[in-house]
């Protein structure tokens, strides 16, 4: 009889010993690593894919959501630096106006330029890093993590550090270290994913006006397997290229490779249906469109939410909350994609996103430092979409500009912890806010003097 388990025990070489270990090189991880290194720390950044950027590069998410509240640039500091560098490198869509950065623009992304910008920022900051490097385990001593265990082409190796930043998006490091977490709604069901795509031969000069009546006609003609009313659609990348945020993979669990496999298979298959829809039903400008590629990563909107010392929540969104320990403010609407094709769920989404849970110009909510402090762990910070929040406000803060805000705060906090006794909860909040403000972060409610 085959045993249900096999023994596995191996001595793992320590390849790096650093001040700060950042796991995950998406927008939050890049911001954290660069921020910590610029504070004088030795940093190692482990990225599982072949490039930095996560969903915005490997995942082909075609555009940034808003960086500003319509009055102020909220993702200031590293987020603004990324946007400026990308524009200077020709990596933003031609319709982006850098003189109107305070407007809530949706900025199209040219992926290859984006990859190079991240490469340069991380390298020039002096961060040690490797791609194709997957966290597979960790070593914990009491309430502290002492080492991360990684798998790569050369085999298994360990990285020791004094402070850790979980920027995996899925909260892998925190969850595996024993921090509590929530996932999805009350039943554990998460938002559907999307396999984003890149399309050539789109003629943006023509009058392209997607019409919901055309979608209903395609439903009646049985074009689609799923009658999914929620279609974010095609984003302008260049005069002939479109970035597709098209279709949904319902029921996907982003923490289970079997579920991810099924979702990727369906995502690729479903684009055949959407290609027919765009070519035959929308027509103007899309007749000659051609699929170039799909993302190497499935676009995931939520998995784990690590529970921290404070859980940011929808009431904070509604009240435009202010906190003494703010590390930034943000404003994107609550964007929770319906869990199924049920039309009532789609109507609920439209009401929330366009009115009930959407801000006017100049409005925003605070993000407290306590959201970055996982319960039960003394030397770990969490940043990005898996920080401590309820699922409603996570639907706002999960996008790239929000990740820059929390990532740079985690990186600076990690540096301050390392320069102190190594405990993240002993970091002086006024000192953290002062250093973030010096980087350009938007902190209107920070303490006036550091202690």
Protein backbone atom coordinates (compact mmCIF):
# COMPACT_ATOMS: atom_id res chain seq x y z
CA UNK A 1 0.00 0.00 0.00
CA UNK A 2 1.25 3.48 -0.88
CA UNK A 3 1.77 5.76 2.09
CA UNK A 4 -0.12 9.08 2.13
CA UNK A 5 3.08 10.91 3.05
CA UNK A 6 6.78 10.57 2.37
CA UNK A 7 9.60 11.62 4.71
CA UNK A 8 11.65 14.61 3.60
CA UNK A 9 14.56 16.01 5.56
CA UNK A 10 17.43 17.97 4.09
CA UNK A 11 20.16 20.32 5.24
CA UNK A 12 19.68 23.56 3.32
CA UNK A 13 22.59 25.92 2.62
CA UNK A 14 22.23 29.54 3.73
CA UNK A 15 22.86 31.63 0.62
CA UNK A 16 22.15 35.09 2.03
CA UNK A 17 22.10 36.75 5.43
CA UNK A 18 20.49 40.18 5.18
CA UNK A 19 18.74 42.83 7.21
CA UNK A 20 15.47 42.56 5.28
CA UNK A 21 14.02 39.72 3.21
CA UNK A 22 11.17 40.67 0.87
CA UNK A 23 9.18 37.81 -0.63
CA UNK A 24 7.34 38.72 -3.83
CA UNK A 25 8.43 41.26 -6.42
CA UNK A 26 5.12 42.76 -7.45
CA UNK A 27 4.44 46.49 -6.93
CA UNK A 28 4.33 46.14 -3.14
CA UNK A 29 7.49 44.01 -3.01
CA UNK A 30 9.48 46.26 -5.33
CA UNK A 31 8.44 49.33 -3.32
CA UNK A 32 9.34 47.61 -0.04
CA UNK A 33 12.73 46.37 -1.23
CA UNK A 34 13.74 49.68 -2.80
CA UNK A 35 12.56 51.66 0.23
CA UNK A 36 14.44 49.45 2.70
CA UNK A 37 17.61 49.52 0.62
CA UNK A 38 17.48 53.30 0.32
CA UNK A 39 17.33 53.42 4.12
CA UNK A 40 20.72 51.69 4.21
CA UNK A 41 19.63 48.08 4.76
CA UNK A 42 20.92 44.98 3.04
CA UNK A 43 17.96 43.48 1.21
CA UNK A 44 17.23 40.27 -0.66
CA UNK A 45 14.14 40.15 -2.89
CA UNK A 46 12.83 36.76 -4.05
CA UNK A 47 10.53 36.73 -7.09
CA UNK A 48 8.81 33.56 -8.31
CA UNK A 49 8.28 34.78 -11.89
CA UNK A 50 10.80 35.83 -14.57
CA UNK A 51 10.29 39.56 -13.99
CA UNK A 52 9.21 42.05 -11.36
CA UNK A 53 5.75 43.59 -11.41
CA UNK A 54 3.41 40.67 -10.84
CA UNK A 55 0.00 41.29 -12.34
CA UNK A 56 1.09 44.47 -14.15
CA UNK A 57 3.80 42.63 -16.10
CA UNK A 58 3.60 38.82 -16.01
CA UNK A 59 -0.17 39.07 -15.57
CA UNK A 60 -0.64 41.60 -18.42
CA UNK A 61 -3.07 43.77 -16.44
CA UNK A 62 -3.37 46.49 -19.09
CA UNK A 63 -3.60 49.66 -17.02
CA UNK A 64 -3.02 51.36 -13.68
CA UNK A 65 -6.06 52.40 -11.76
CA UNK A 66 -6.02 55.90 -10.33
CA UNK A 67 -2.98 57.25 -8.50
CA UNK A 68 -4.85 60.31 -7.25
CA UNK A 69 -8.09 61.43 -5.62
CA UNK A 70 -8.68 64.01 -8.34
CA UNK A 71 -6.94 66.70 -6.31
CA UNK A 72 -3.83 65.14 -4.77
CA UNK A 73 -1.42 62.44 -6.00
CA UNK A 74 -1.87 59.79 -3.29
CA UNK A 75 0.62 57.12 -4.39
CA UNK A 76 3.46 59.61 -4.04
CA UNK A 77 7.01 58.55 -3.37
CA UNK A 78 7.96 55.31 -5.09
CA UNK A 79 4.60 55.03 -6.88
CA UNK A 80 5.08 58.43 -8.50
CA UNK A 81 8.69 57.57 -9.35
CA UNK A 82 7.56 54.40 -11.13
CA UNK A 83 4.95 56.30 -13.15
CA UNK A 84 7.36 59.09 -14.07
CA UNK A 85 10.11 56.67 -15.12
CA UNK A 86 7.67 54.59 -17.12
CA UNK A 87 6.39 57.61 -18.98
CA UNK A 88 9.92 58.84 -19.71
CA UNK A 89 10.75 55.39 -21.12
CA UNK A 90 7.73 55.51 -23.44
CA UNK A 91 5.93 52.87 -21.41
CA UNK A 92 2.61 54.63 -20.83
CA UNK A 93 -0.22 54.81 -23.33
CA UNK A 94 -0.07 57.85 -25.65
CA UNK A 95 -3.18 59.39 -24.11
CA UNK A 96 -1.53 59.78 -20.69
CA UNK A 97 -0.92 63.42 -19.76
CA UNK A 98 1.81 63.78 -17.10
CA UNK A 99 0.81 67.40 -16.57
CA UNK A 100 -2.53 66.18 -15.23
CA UNK A 101 -1.28 63.56 -12.78
CA UNK A 102 -3.72 64.81 -10.15
CA UNK A 103 -6.60 63.69 -12.36
CA UNK A 104 -7.95 60.17 -11.70
CA UNK A 105 -6.56 58.86 -14.98
CA UNK A 106 -6.49 55.23 -16.02
CA UNK A 107 -2.98 54.87 -17.49
CA UNK A 108 -2.29 52.18 -20.08
CA UNK A 109 0.87 50.08 -19.65
CA UNK A 110 3.47 48.95 -22.19
CA UNK A 111 4.69 45.81 -20.50
CA UNK A 112 8.29 45.46 -21.71
CA UNK A 113 9.17 49.01 -20.72
CA UNK A 114 7.52 48.36 -17.35
CA UNK A 115 9.74 45.32 -16.76
CA UNK A 116 12.89 47.30 -17.52
CA UNK A 117 11.88 50.15 -15.20
CA UNK A 118 11.48 47.71 -12.32
CA UNK A 119 14.78 46.00 -13.17
CA UNK A 120 16.61 49.32 -13.06
CA UNK A 121 14.98 50.58 -9.86
CA UNK A 122 15.72 47.42 -7.92
CA UNK A 123 19.24 47.01 -9.28
CA UNK A 124 20.25 50.64 -8.76
CA UNK A 125 18.98 50.53 -5.16
CA UNK A 126 21.53 47.79 -4.44
CA UNK A 127 18.97 45.09 -3.73
CA UNK A 128 20.15 41.49 -4.14
CA UNK A 129 17.53 39.46 -6.00
CA UNK A 130 16.78 36.43 -8.12
CA UNK A 131 13.90 35.53 -10.39
CA UNK A 132 12.36 32.05 -10.66
CA UNK A 133 12.76 31.74 -6.88
CA UNK A 134 9.80 30.31 -4.98
CA UNK A 135 9.21 30.41 -1.22
CA UNK A 136 8.57 26.83 -0.10
CA UNK A 137 8.99 27.03 3.66
CA UNK A 138 10.33 29.01 6.54
CA UNK A 139 11.99 28.70 9.90
CA UNK A 140 10.26 30.23 12.90
CA UNK A 141 11.60 30.71 16.42
CA UNK A 142 8.83 31.74 18.78
CA UNK A 143 7.10 34.85 17.45
CA UNK A 144 9.94 35.55 15.01
CA UNK A 145 10.68 34.18 11.58
CA UNK A 146 14.41 33.55 11.21
CA UNK A 147 14.77 32.24 7.65
CA UNK A 148 12.90 31.70 4.41
CA UNK A 149 13.44 28.49 2.44
CA UNK A 150 13.41 28.81 -1.34
CA UNK A 151 13.40 26.49 -4.34
CA UNK A 152 15.16 27.46 -7.56
CA UNK A 153 16.98 25.74 -10.44
CA UNK A 154 20.06 25.32 -8.26
CA UNK A 155 18.05 23.54 -5.59
CA UNK A 156 16.88 24.53 -2.13
CA UNK A 157 18.53 27.35 -0.19
CA UNK A 158 17.81 29.53 2.83
CA UNK A 159 17.89 33.27 3.40
CA UNK A 160 18.30 34.53 6.95
CA UNK A 161 17.07 37.99 7.88
CA UNK A 162 16.23 40.17 10.85
CA UNK A 163 12.99 41.44 9.34
CA UNK A 164 10.64 40.02 6.70
CA UNK A 165 8.11 41.56 4.32
CA UNK A 166 5.36 39.39 2.88
CA UNK A 167 4.52 40.88 -0.50
CA UNK A 168 3.38 37.62 -2.09
CA UNK A 169 -0.14 38.88 -2.74
CA UNK A 170 -1.44 35.62 -1.28
CA UNK A 171 0.02 36.06 2.21
CA UNK A 172 2.05 32.85 1.86
CA UNK A 173 4.82 33.80 4.29
CA UNK A 174 2.46 35.04 7.00
CA UNK A 175 0.01 32.15 6.66
CA UNK A 176 2.77 29.53 6.72
CA UNK A 177 4.27 31.24 9.77
CA UNK A 178 0.95 30.84 11.58
CA UNK A 179 -0.64 34.27 11.27
CA UNK A 180 -4.45 34.16 11.13
CA UNK A 181 -6.16 35.08 7.88
CA UNK A 182 -9.49 35.27 6.09
CA UNK A 183 -10.28 34.41 2.51
CA UNK A 184 -13.10 35.62 0.30
CA UNK A 185 -16.64 35.98 1.57
CA UNK A 186 -18.24 34.25 4.56
CA UNK A 187 -18.10 30.93 2.70
CA UNK A 188 -14.48 31.37 1.61
CA UNK A 189 -15.43 32.03 -2.01
CA UNK A 190 -13.19 34.57 -3.72
CA UNK A 191 -13.73 36.97 -6.59
CA UNK A 192 -13.26 35.44 -10.04
CA UNK A 193 -9.92 35.81 -11.76
CA UNK A 194 -9.21 37.06 -15.26
CA UNK A 195 -6.59 35.88 -17.72
CA UNK A 196 -5.55 39.19 -19.26
CA UNK A 197 -4.41 39.37 -22.86
CA UNK A 198 -2.70 41.48 -25.51
CA UNK A 199 -4.28 42.09 -28.93
CA UNK A 200 -2.83 43.51 -32.15
CA UNK A 201 -4.53 45.24 -35.11
CA UNK A 202 -7.00 47.19 -32.99
CA UNK A 203 -7.90 50.47 -34.69
CA UNK A 204 -8.39 52.91 -31.85
CA UNK A 205 -8.84 55.82 -34.27
CA UNK A 206 -12.32 54.60 -35.13
CA UNK A 207 -15.42 55.14 -33.04
CA UNK A 208 -15.32 52.14 -30.73
CA UNK A 209 -18.29 52.29 -28.41
CA UNK A 210 -19.03 49.01 -26.62
CA UNK A 211 -22.77 48.64 -26.15
CA UNK A 212 -24.40 46.39 -23.55
CA UNK A 213 -27.15 45.64 -26.08
CA UNK A 214 -24.54 43.95 -28.26
CA UNK A 215 -23.55 41.75 -25.34
CA UNK A 216 -27.17 40.74 -24.81
CA UNK A 217 -27.49 39.94 -28.52
CA UNK A 218 -24.40 37.73 -28.31
CA UNK A 219 -25.97 35.96 -25.33
CA UNK A 220 -29.11 35.34 -27.35
CA UNK A 221 -26.97 33.95 -30.18
CA UNK A 222 -25.23 31.56 -27.75
CA UNK A 223 -21.78 33.01 -28.41
CA UNK A 224 -20.75 32.59 -24.77
CA UNK A 225 -20.62 29.60 -22.47
CA UNK A 226 -21.19 31.97 -19.52
CA UNK A 227 -23.58 34.92 -19.83
CA UNK A 228 -21.25 37.25 -17.94
CA UNK A 229 -22.45 40.86 -17.92
CA UNK A 230 -19.32 42.14 -16.20
CA UNK A 231 -16.87 43.00 -18.97
CA UNK A 232 -14.11 45.49 -18.03
CA UNK A 233 -13.06 45.27 -21.67
CA UNK A 234 -10.25 46.42 -23.93
CA UNK A 235 -7.81 49.10 -22.77
CA UNK A 236 -5.88 51.49 -25.01
CA UNK A 237 -2.16 50.60 -25.00
CA UNK A 238 -1.08 52.12 -28.33
CA UNK A 239 -2.89 53.16 -31.55
CA UNK A 240 -2.95 49.53 -32.75
CA UNK A 241 -2.66 47.50 -29.53
CA UNK A 242 -5.31 46.67 -26.95
CA UNK A 243 -4.89 45.18 -23.50
CA UNK A 244 -7.74 42.85 -22.67
CA UNK A 245 -9.24 42.61 -19.18
CA UNK A 246 -11.78 40.18 -20.55
CA UNK A 247 -13.79 37.36 -19.04
CA UNK A 248 -13.81 35.68 -15.64
CA UNK A 249 -12.68 32.40 -14.12
CA UNK A 250 -15.38 31.83 -11.53
CA UNK A 251 -14.71 29.80 -8.41
CA UNK A 252 -10.92 29.95 -8.65
CA UNK A 253 -8.87 29.45 -5.47
CA UNK A 254 -5.57 31.23 -6.00
CA UNK A 255 -3.93 29.29 -3.17
CA UNK A 256 -4.52 25.90 -4.84
CA UNK A 257 -2.50 24.99 -7.94
CA UNK A 258 -5.19 22.54 -9.08
CA UNK A 259 -7.81 25.27 -9.12
CA UNK A 260 -5.37 27.65 -10.82
CA UNK A 261 -4.69 25.05 -13.51
CA UNK A 262 -8.39 24.68 -14.30
CA UNK A 263 -8.83 28.45 -14.37
CA UNK A 264 -5.92 28.97 -16.76
CA UNK A 265 -7.28 26.33 -19.12
CA UNK A 266 -10.68 27.99 -19.15
CA UNK A 267 -9.23 31.49 -19.44
CA UNK A 268 -7.36 30.60 -22.63
CA UNK A 269 -10.35 28.77 -24.07
CA UNK A 270 -12.81 31.56 -23.28
CA UNK A 271 -10.89 34.14 -25.30
CA UNK A 272 -11.99 32.40 -28.49
CA UNK A 273 -15.56 33.36 -27.58
CA UNK A 274 -14.59 36.95 -26.77
CA UNK A 275 -12.64 37.29 -30.02
CA UNK A 276 -15.77 36.36 -31.93
CA UNK A 277 -17.81 38.84 -29.90
CA UNK A 278 -15.45 41.74 -30.53
CA UNK A 279 -15.05 40.99 -34.24
CA UNK A 280 -18.67 40.22 -35.11
CA UNK A 281 -20.73 42.26 -32.65
CA UNK A 282 -18.69 45.36 -31.78
CA UNK A 283 -16.95 45.45 -35.16
CA UNK A 284 -15.78 49.08 -35.52
CA UNK A 285 -12.04 48.94 -34.99
CA UNK A 286 -11.98 45.29 -33.91
CA UNK A 287 -12.59 43.40 -37.18
CA UNK A 288 -8.91 42.62 -37.72
CA UNK A 289 -7.87 42.15 -34.10
CA UNK A 290 -5.49 39.28 -33.41
CA UNK A 291 -4.59 37.66 -30.11
CA UNK A 292 -0.86 38.05 -29.44
CA UNK A 293 -0.54 36.43 -26.02
CA UNK A 294 -2.19 35.78 -22.68
CA UNK A 295 -0.66 36.48 -19.29
CA UNK A 296 1.88 34.14 -17.74
CA UNK A 297 -0.04 34.72 -14.51
CA UNK A 298 -3.77 34.49 -13.94
CA UNK A 299 -5.08 37.84 -12.74
CA UNK A 300 -6.22 37.21 -9.18
CA UNK A 301 -8.22 39.82 -7.30
CA UNK A 302 -8.20 38.20 -3.88
CA UNK A 303 -6.93 35.23 -1.95
CA UNK A 304 -5.87 35.44 1.71
CA UNK A 305 -6.24 38.58 3.80
CA UNK A 306 -3.80 38.41 6.70
CA UNK A 307 -5.31 39.57 9.99
CA UNK A 308 -3.23 42.27 11.64
CA UNK A 309 -3.40 44.53 14.67
CA UNK A 310 -6.10 46.50 12.86
CA UNK A 311 -8.46 45.29 10.15
CA UNK A 312 -9.21 48.10 7.72
CA UNK A 313 -12.90 47.88 6.82
CA UNK A 314 -15.74 49.25 4.75
CA UNK A 315 -16.85 51.58 7.55
CA UNK A 316 -13.43 53.23 7.29
CA UNK A 317 -14.09 53.69 3.58
CA UNK A 318 -17.49 55.23 4.23
CA UNK A 319 -16.20 57.58 6.96
CA UNK A 320 -13.10 58.71 5.02
CA UNK A 321 -11.22 57.50 8.11
CA UNK A 322 -8.26 59.29 9.63
CA UNK A 323 -5.74 57.42 11.80
CA UNK A 324 -2.93 58.59 14.07
CA UNK A 325 -0.66 55.94 12.58
CA UNK A 326 -1.45 56.59 8.90
CA UNK A 327 1.17 55.51 6.39
CA UNK A 328 -0.83 56.79 3.41
CA UNK A 329 -4.29 57.45 2.02
CA UNK A 330 -6.12 55.97 -0.94
CA UNK A 331 -9.37 56.38 -2.84
CA UNK A 332 -10.15 53.77 -5.53
CA UNK A 333 -13.82 52.64 -5.43
CA UNK A 334 -14.73 49.33 -3.88
CA UNK A 335 -14.42 46.99 -6.86
CA UNK A 336 -15.73 43.53 -6.00
CA UNK A 337 -16.44 41.49 -9.11
CA UNK A 338 -19.59 39.34 -8.85
CA UNK A 339 -19.00 35.76 -7.75
CA UNK A 340 -21.21 34.38 -10.54
CA UNK A 341 -23.13 35.46 -13.63
CA UNK A 342 -26.26 36.17 -11.56
CA UNK A 343 -27.73 39.44 -12.89
CA UNK A 344 -28.69 40.69 -9.45
CA UNK A 345 -25.06 40.40 -8.36
CA UNK A 346 -24.03 42.45 -11.37
CA UNK A 347 -26.58 45.12 -10.50
CA UNK A 348 -25.23 45.17 -6.93
CA UNK A 349 -21.70 45.64 -8.27
CA UNK A 350 -22.76 48.55 -10.48
CA UNK A 351 -24.48 50.30 -7.59
CA UNK A 352 -21.51 49.89 -5.25
CA UNK A 353 -18.78 50.76 -7.75
CA UNK A 354 -20.47 53.72 -9.41
CA UNK A 355 -22.29 55.31 -6.46
CA UNK A 356 -22.51 53.74 -3.00
CA UNK A 357 -18.80 53.02 -2.48
CA UNK A 358 -17.19 55.62 -4.72
CA UNK A 359 -15.60 58.89 -3.71
CA UNK A 360 -15.86 62.39 -5.08
CA UNK A 361 -12.83 64.57 -5.88
CA UNK A 362 -10.47 65.07 -2.94
CA UNK A 363 -11.89 62.24 -0.83
CA UNK A 364 -9.81 59.36 0.53
CA UNK A 365 -9.39 56.97 3.47
CA UNK A 366 -6.38 56.50 5.73
CA UNK A 367 -4.28 53.33 5.90
CA UNK A 368 -2.97 52.67 9.42
CA UNK A 369 0.45 51.13 10.07
CA UNK A 370 -1.27 48.48 12.21
CA UNK A 371 -2.68 46.90 9.01
CA UNK A 372 0.88 45.90 8.13
CA UNK A 373 1.49 44.04 11.42
CA UNK A 374 0.39 40.37 11.26
CA UNK A 375 -0.94 39.02 14.54
CA UNK A 376 1.42 36.71 16.37
CA UNK A 377 4.55 37.69 14.42
CA UNK A 378 7.11 40.15 15.81
CA UNK A 379 9.44 40.71 12.86
CA UNK A 380 7.16 40.38 9.84
CA UNK A 381 5.28 43.03 7.87
CA UNK A 382 2.65 42.46 5.20
CA UNK A 383 2.01 44.72 2.21
CA UNK A 384 -0.05 44.70 -0.96
CA UNK A 385 -3.41 43.10 -1.58
CA UNK A 386 -3.07 40.61 1.32
CA UNK A 387 -2.72 43.20 4.09
CA UNK A 388 -5.14 43.27 7.02
CA UNK A 389 -8.55 44.34 5.72
CA UNK A 390 -12.09 43.16 5.20
CA UNK A 391 -13.01 42.03 1.69
CA UNK A 392 -14.84 45.25 0.86
CA UNK A 393 -12.00 47.69 1.35
CA UNK A 394 -9.59 45.08 -0.01
CA UNK A 395 -11.55 45.55 -3.23
CA UNK A 396 -10.22 49.12 -3.25
CA UNK A 397 -6.67 48.91 -1.94
CA UNK A 398 -5.65 45.83 -3.95
CA UNK A 399 -4.74 47.74 -7.12
CA UNK A 400 -1.19 48.77 -8.04
CA UNK A 401 -1.13 52.35 -6.67
CA UNK A 402 -2.43 51.06 -3.33
CA UNK A 403 0.32 48.44 -3.32
CA UNK A 404 3.01 51.10 -3.84
CA UNK A 405 1.69 52.98 -0.81
CA UNK A 406 1.71 50.00 1.56
CA UNK A 407 4.89 48.51 0.10
CA UNK A 408 7.05 51.58 0.62
CA UNK A 409 5.71 51.91 4.18
CA UNK A 410 6.58 48.28 4.93
CA UNK A 411 10.09 48.76 3.54
CA UNK A 412 10.80 51.85 5.64
CA UNK A 413 9.27 50.23 8.73
CA UNK A 414 11.44 47.14 8.21
CA UNK A 415 14.52 49.37 8.05
CA UNK A 416 13.55 51.13 11.27
CA UNK A 417 12.91 47.80 12.98
CA UNK A 418 16.33 46.49 11.94
CA UNK A 419 18.00 49.63 13.26
CA UNK A 420 16.18 49.10 16.54
CA UNK A 421 15.59 45.84 18.39
CA UNK A 422 14.17 44.04 15.35
CA UNK A 423 10.56 44.15 16.54
CA UNK A 424 8.13 45.76 14.13
CA UNK A 425 5.72 46.86 16.86
CA UNK A 426 8.49 48.88 18.49
CA UNK A 427 8.89 51.07 15.40
CA UNK A 428 8.20 54.72 16.21
CA UNK A 429 5.20 55.74 14.14
CA UNK A 430 6.19 59.44 14.03
CA UNK A 431 9.69 58.44 12.87
CA UNK A 432 8.16 56.19 10.20
CA UNK A 433 5.84 58.95 9.03
CA UNK A 434 8.71 61.45 8.95
CA UNK A 435 10.82 59.21 6.72
CA UNK A 436 7.88 58.44 4.44
CA UNK A 437 7.11 62.15 4.13
CA UNK A 438 10.75 62.77 3.21
CA UNK A 439 10.26 60.29 0.34
CA UNK A 440 7.27 62.30 -0.83
CA UNK A 441 4.46 60.21 0.64
CA UNK A 442 1.08 61.91 1.04
CA UNK A 443 0.61 62.12 4.83
CA UNK A 444 -1.57 65.08 5.73
CA UNK A 445 -2.36 63.65 9.18
CA UNK A 446 1.10 62.67 10.35
CA UNK A 447 2.59 63.66 13.68
CA UNK A 448 4.56 66.90 13.51
CA UNK A 449 7.70 65.61 15.23
CA UNK A 450 9.39 62.21 15.40
CA UNK A 451 10.27 60.53 18.68
